[in-house]
Amino acid sequence: MPTTRTPLLSDLDARTLRATHPYYVRTPEHVGRLANCAPDAALSTLRRLRLSYLVEDDGSRPSRWIRTRHGDVALEHQP
């Protein structure tokens, strides 16, 4: 029986993922403030998390970010 693997997140990844919201889109600057990191570090982390489908951008420029259902599941498995 196959098992679903949740990705292991670094501390910065987990803080950034927690700083996003499943219903409200947030800018990288806002995510950076909430995650206690620089906005460019937050943006780099958000782009990396997007490759794992944990966050998605809203498709506009400048991008705003929202946490996906997969991101919620990944956070449930973080310490």
N, C-alpha and C. Protein backbone atom coordinates (compact mmCIF):
# COMPACT_ATOMS: atom_id res chain seq x y z
N MET A 1 0.85 -1.17 0.00
CA MET A 1 0.00 0.00 0.00
C MET A 1 0.90 1.24 0.00
N PRO A 2 0.75 2.14 -0.98
CA PRO A 2 1.59 3.34 -1.04
C PRO A 2 1.24 4.31 0.07
N THR A 3 2.25 4.99 0.53
CA THR A 3 2.04 6.01 1.56
C THR A 3 2.31 7.38 0.97
N THR A 4 1.64 8.36 1.48
CA THR A 4 1.85 9.72 1.04
C THR A 4 2.99 10.32 1.84
N ARG A 5 3.95 10.87 1.14
CA ARG A 5 5.10 11.47 1.81
C ARG A 5 4.88 12.97 1.92
N THR A 6 5.13 13.49 3.09
CA THR A 6 5.11 14.93 3.26
C THR A 6 6.56 15.40 3.27
N PRO A 7 6.83 16.50 2.59
CA PRO A 7 8.21 16.95 2.52
C PRO A 7 8.70 17.45 3.88
N LEU A 8 9.99 17.22 4.13
CA LEU A 8 10.60 17.77 5.33
C LEU A 8 10.95 19.22 5.05
N LEU A 9 10.53 20.08 5.93
CA LEU A 9 10.74 21.51 5.74
C LEU A 9 11.80 22.02 6.69
N SER A 10 12.62 22.93 6.20
CA SER A 10 13.58 23.60 7.08
C SER A 10 12.81 24.56 7.99
N ASP A 11 13.51 25.12 8.95
CA ASP A 11 12.89 26.09 9.85
C ASP A 11 12.35 27.30 9.08
N LEU A 12 13.14 27.82 8.15
CA LEU A 12 12.70 28.97 7.36
C LEU A 12 11.51 28.61 6.48
N ASP A 13 11.54 27.42 5.87
CA ASP A 13 10.41 26.97 5.05
C ASP A 13 9.14 26.90 5.88
N ALA A 14 9.22 26.31 7.07
CA ALA A 14 8.04 26.17 7.93
C ALA A 14 7.53 27.53 8.39
N ARG A 15 8.44 28.43 8.77
CA ARG A 15 8.01 29.78 9.20
C ARG A 15 7.35 30.52 8.05
N THR A 16 7.92 30.40 6.86
CA THR A 16 7.34 31.07 5.69
C THR A 16 5.99 30.47 5.34
N LEU A 17 5.87 29.17 5.40
CA LEU A 17 4.60 28.52 5.10
C LEU A 17 3.54 28.90 6.12
N ARG A 18 3.92 29.00 7.39
CA ARG A 18 2.97 29.43 8.42
C ARG A 18 2.55 30.89 8.22
N ALA A 19 3.42 31.70 7.63
CA ALA A 19 3.13 33.12 7.42
C ALA A 19 2.18 33.34 6.24
N THR A 20 2.03 32.35 5.39
CA THR A 20 1.02 32.46 4.32
C THR A 20 -0.32 32.05 4.91
N HIS A 21 -1.36 32.30 4.18
CA HIS A 21 -2.71 32.01 4.67
C HIS A 21 -3.47 31.26 3.58
N PRO A 22 -4.34 30.33 3.94
CA PRO A 22 -5.08 29.60 2.91
C PRO A 22 -6.18 30.42 2.23
N TYR A 23 -6.58 31.56 2.81
CA TYR A 23 -7.67 32.35 2.22
C TYR A 23 -7.28 33.75 1.82
N TYR A 24 -6.25 34.33 2.44
CA TYR A 24 -5.86 35.70 2.16
C TYR A 24 -4.52 35.71 1.45
N VAL A 25 -4.47 36.37 0.30
CA VAL A 25 -3.21 36.48 -0.42
C VAL A 25 -2.32 37.51 0.27
N ARG A 26 -1.04 37.21 0.34
CA ARG A 26 -0.10 38.09 1.02
C ARG A 26 1.11 38.36 0.14
N THR A 27 1.65 39.55 0.27
CA THR A 27 2.85 39.92 -0.47
C THR A 27 4.08 39.29 0.19
N PRO A 28 5.18 39.17 -0.55
CA PRO A 28 6.41 38.65 0.06
C PRO A 28 6.88 39.53 1.23
N GLU A 29 6.63 40.83 1.16
CA GLU A 29 7.01 41.71 2.26
C GLU A 29 6.24 41.37 3.53
N HIS A 30 4.94 41.14 3.38
CA HIS A 30 4.11 40.78 4.53
C HIS A 30 4.50 39.41 5.08
N VAL A 31 4.74 38.46 4.19
CA VAL A 31 5.17 37.13 4.61
C VAL A 31 6.51 37.22 5.33
N GLY A 32 7.43 38.03 4.82
CA GLY A 32 8.72 38.21 5.45
C GLY A 32 8.61 38.78 6.85
N ARG A 33 7.73 39.76 7.03
CA ARG A 33 7.53 40.33 8.38
C ARG A 33 6.99 39.27 9.33
N LEU A 34 6.02 38.51 8.89
CA LEU A 34 5.42 37.48 9.74
C LEU A 34 6.37 36.32 10.02
N ALA A 35 7.24 36.01 9.05
CA ALA A 35 8.18 34.90 9.21
C ALA A 35 9.50 35.35 9.84
N ASN A 36 9.61 36.64 10.11
CA ASN A 36 10.81 37.21 10.73
C ASN A 36 12.05 36.97 9.85
N CYS A 37 11.92 37.34 8.57
CA CYS A 37 13.04 37.23 7.64
C CYS A 37 12.93 38.37 6.63
N ALA A 38 13.95 38.53 5.83
CA ALA A 38 13.97 39.57 4.80
C ALA A 38 12.97 39.23 3.70
N PRO A 39 12.39 40.24 3.06
CA PRO A 39 11.43 39.97 1.98
C PRO A 39 12.02 39.16 0.83
N ASP A 40 13.30 39.38 0.49
CA ASP A 40 13.89 38.61 -0.61
C ASP A 40 14.10 37.15 -0.21
N ALA A 41 14.39 36.89 1.06
CA ALA A 41 14.48 35.50 1.54
C ALA A 41 13.11 34.84 1.52
N ALA A 42 12.08 35.59 1.90
CA ALA A 42 10.71 35.06 1.86
C ALA A 42 10.30 34.74 0.43
N LEU A 43 10.63 35.64 -0.51
CA LEU A 43 10.27 35.41 -1.91
C LEU A 43 10.99 34.18 -2.46
N SER A 44 12.25 34.02 -2.14
CA SER A 44 13.01 32.86 -2.59
C SER A 44 12.41 31.58 -2.01
N THR A 45 12.05 31.62 -0.75
CA THR A 45 11.45 30.45 -0.10
C THR A 45 10.08 30.15 -0.70
N LEU A 46 9.28 31.18 -0.95
CA LEU A 46 7.96 30.97 -1.56
C LEU A 46 8.09 30.35 -2.94
N ARG A 47 9.05 30.78 -3.72
CA ARG A 47 9.25 30.19 -5.04
C ARG A 47 9.64 28.72 -4.93
N ARG A 48 10.48 28.41 -3.95
CA ARG A 48 10.89 27.02 -3.73
C ARG A 48 9.69 26.18 -3.25
N LEU A 49 8.87 26.73 -2.37
CA LEU A 49 7.70 26.00 -1.87
C LEU A 49 6.66 25.80 -2.97
N ARG A 50 6.63 26.72 -3.94
CA ARG A 50 5.69 26.58 -5.05
C ARG A 50 6.00 25.33 -5.87
N LEU A 51 7.28 24.97 -5.99
CA LEU A 51 7.65 23.78 -6.75
C LEU A 51 7.13 22.50 -6.10
N SER A 52 6.88 22.54 -4.80
CA SER A 52 6.30 21.40 -4.08
C SER A 52 4.79 21.51 -3.92
N TYR A 53 4.20 22.52 -4.57
CA TYR A 53 2.75 22.76 -4.51
C TYR A 53 2.24 23.07 -3.11
N LEU A 54 3.10 23.67 -2.28
CA LEU A 54 2.68 24.02 -0.92
C LEU A 54 2.11 25.43 -0.87
N VAL A 55 2.51 26.27 -1.80
CA VAL A 55 1.93 27.61 -1.96
C VAL A 55 1.71 27.84 -3.44
N GLU A 56 0.90 28.83 -3.75
CA GLU A 56 0.72 29.23 -5.14
C GLU A 56 0.62 30.74 -5.20
N ASP A 57 1.02 31.28 -6.34
CA ASP A 57 0.89 32.72 -6.50
C ASP A 57 -0.45 33.02 -7.15
N ASP A 58 -0.86 34.29 -7.06
CA ASP A 58 -2.18 34.65 -7.57
C ASP A 58 -2.16 34.97 -9.06
N GLY A 59 -1.00 34.90 -9.70
CA GLY A 59 -0.92 35.11 -11.14
C GLY A 59 -0.79 36.55 -11.56
N SER A 60 -0.80 37.49 -10.64
CA SER A 60 -0.66 38.90 -11.00
C SER A 60 0.76 39.35 -10.74
N ARG A 61 1.06 40.54 -11.15
CA ARG A 61 2.36 41.14 -10.90
C ARG A 61 2.17 42.41 -10.13
N PRO A 62 2.83 42.64 -9.01
CA PRO A 62 3.71 41.70 -8.32
C PRO A 62 2.90 40.57 -7.68
N SER A 63 3.54 39.43 -7.59
CA SER A 63 2.85 38.23 -7.09
C SER A 63 2.47 38.36 -5.63
N ARG A 64 1.35 37.78 -5.32
CA ARG A 64 0.91 37.61 -3.94
C ARG A 64 0.69 36.12 -3.76
N TRP A 65 0.84 35.65 -2.54
CA TRP A 65 0.93 34.21 -2.30
C TRP A 65 -0.16 33.72 -1.36
N ILE A 66 -0.54 32.45 -1.57
CA ILE A 66 -1.56 31.81 -0.76
C ILE A 66 -1.13 30.36 -0.50
N ARG A 67 -1.44 29.85 0.69
CA ARG A 67 -1.08 28.47 1.03
C ARG A 67 -2.12 27.52 0.44
N THR A 68 -1.65 26.40 -0.09
CA THR A 68 -2.55 25.40 -0.67
C THR A 68 -2.95 24.37 0.38
N ARG A 69 -3.83 23.48 0.00
CA ARG A 69 -4.24 22.39 0.90
C ARG A 69 -3.05 21.50 1.21
N HIS A 70 -2.17 21.28 0.23
CA HIS A 70 -0.96 20.49 0.47
C HIS A 70 -0.06 21.17 1.49
N GLY A 71 -0.04 22.51 1.47
CA GLY A 71 0.73 23.25 2.46
C GLY A 71 0.16 23.08 3.86
N ASP A 72 -1.16 23.07 3.96
CA ASP A 72 -1.79 22.83 5.27
C ASP A 72 -1.42 21.45 5.81
N VAL A 73 -1.44 20.45 4.94
CA VAL A 73 -1.09 19.09 5.36
C VAL A 73 0.37 19.02 5.79
N ALA A 74 1.26 19.68 5.05
CA ALA A 74 2.68 19.68 5.40
C ALA A 74 2.89 20.33 6.76
N LEU A 75 2.15 21.39 7.07
CA LEU A 75 2.30 22.05 8.37
C LEU A 75 1.81 21.18 9.52
N GLU A 76 0.83 20.34 9.25
CA GLU A 76 0.33 19.44 10.30
C GLU A 76 1.41 18.46 10.75
N HIS A 77 2.37 18.16 9.87
CA HIS A 77 3.41 17.18 10.18
C HIS A 77 4.71 17.83 10.63
N GLN A 78 4.71 19.13 10.82
CA GLN A 78 5.91 19.82 11.29
C GLN A 78 5.89 19.96 12.80
N PRO A 79 7.07 19.92 13.42
CA PRO A 79 7.11 20.06 14.89
C PRO A 79 6.78 21.47 15.34
